[in-house]
Amino acid sequence: MSGMRFDLDEPLIPDDHALHGLVDIATMAALEEEWKAAKVDEWCAVAGLRHAAAGLRSATGRPNAAPIEFVLTDAEHKATDSHRVRRALTAYQQAATLYEGVHAHLADLRNRATAPGT
């Protein structure tokens, strides 16, 4: 997760890819508003995922710098014997699912903004 780049001001359509007239102005304005709200959702999802990852590292006894892949593998082995690890693993999985959903929503908005007749 340390490699995640997050930009709350990222435009729906970058200026160098302006799509003149492909999507009507009212639709584009609505998509822009939804995009801005989804970017806030993304920020919240990233914060939740980072928090859940920290909780999972703590529950498994792994250091803060441990790669999440190793932590997840360790958690899967320890989950059968530890209620705390199971809870932390579930919280991480839910946070990851939420993040993936927000990411998919952003991709859908971008697709709708670039497709005529959306």
Foldseek 3Di string as FASTA:
>chain_A
DVPDDADLPDFLADPVRDDPPQEDPVVLVVLRVVLNVLSVLLVVLVVQLLVLLVQLCVLLVHDSPDPSVVSLVSLVVCVVPDVSSVVSNVSNVVSVVSNVVSVVVSVVSSVVNPHHPD
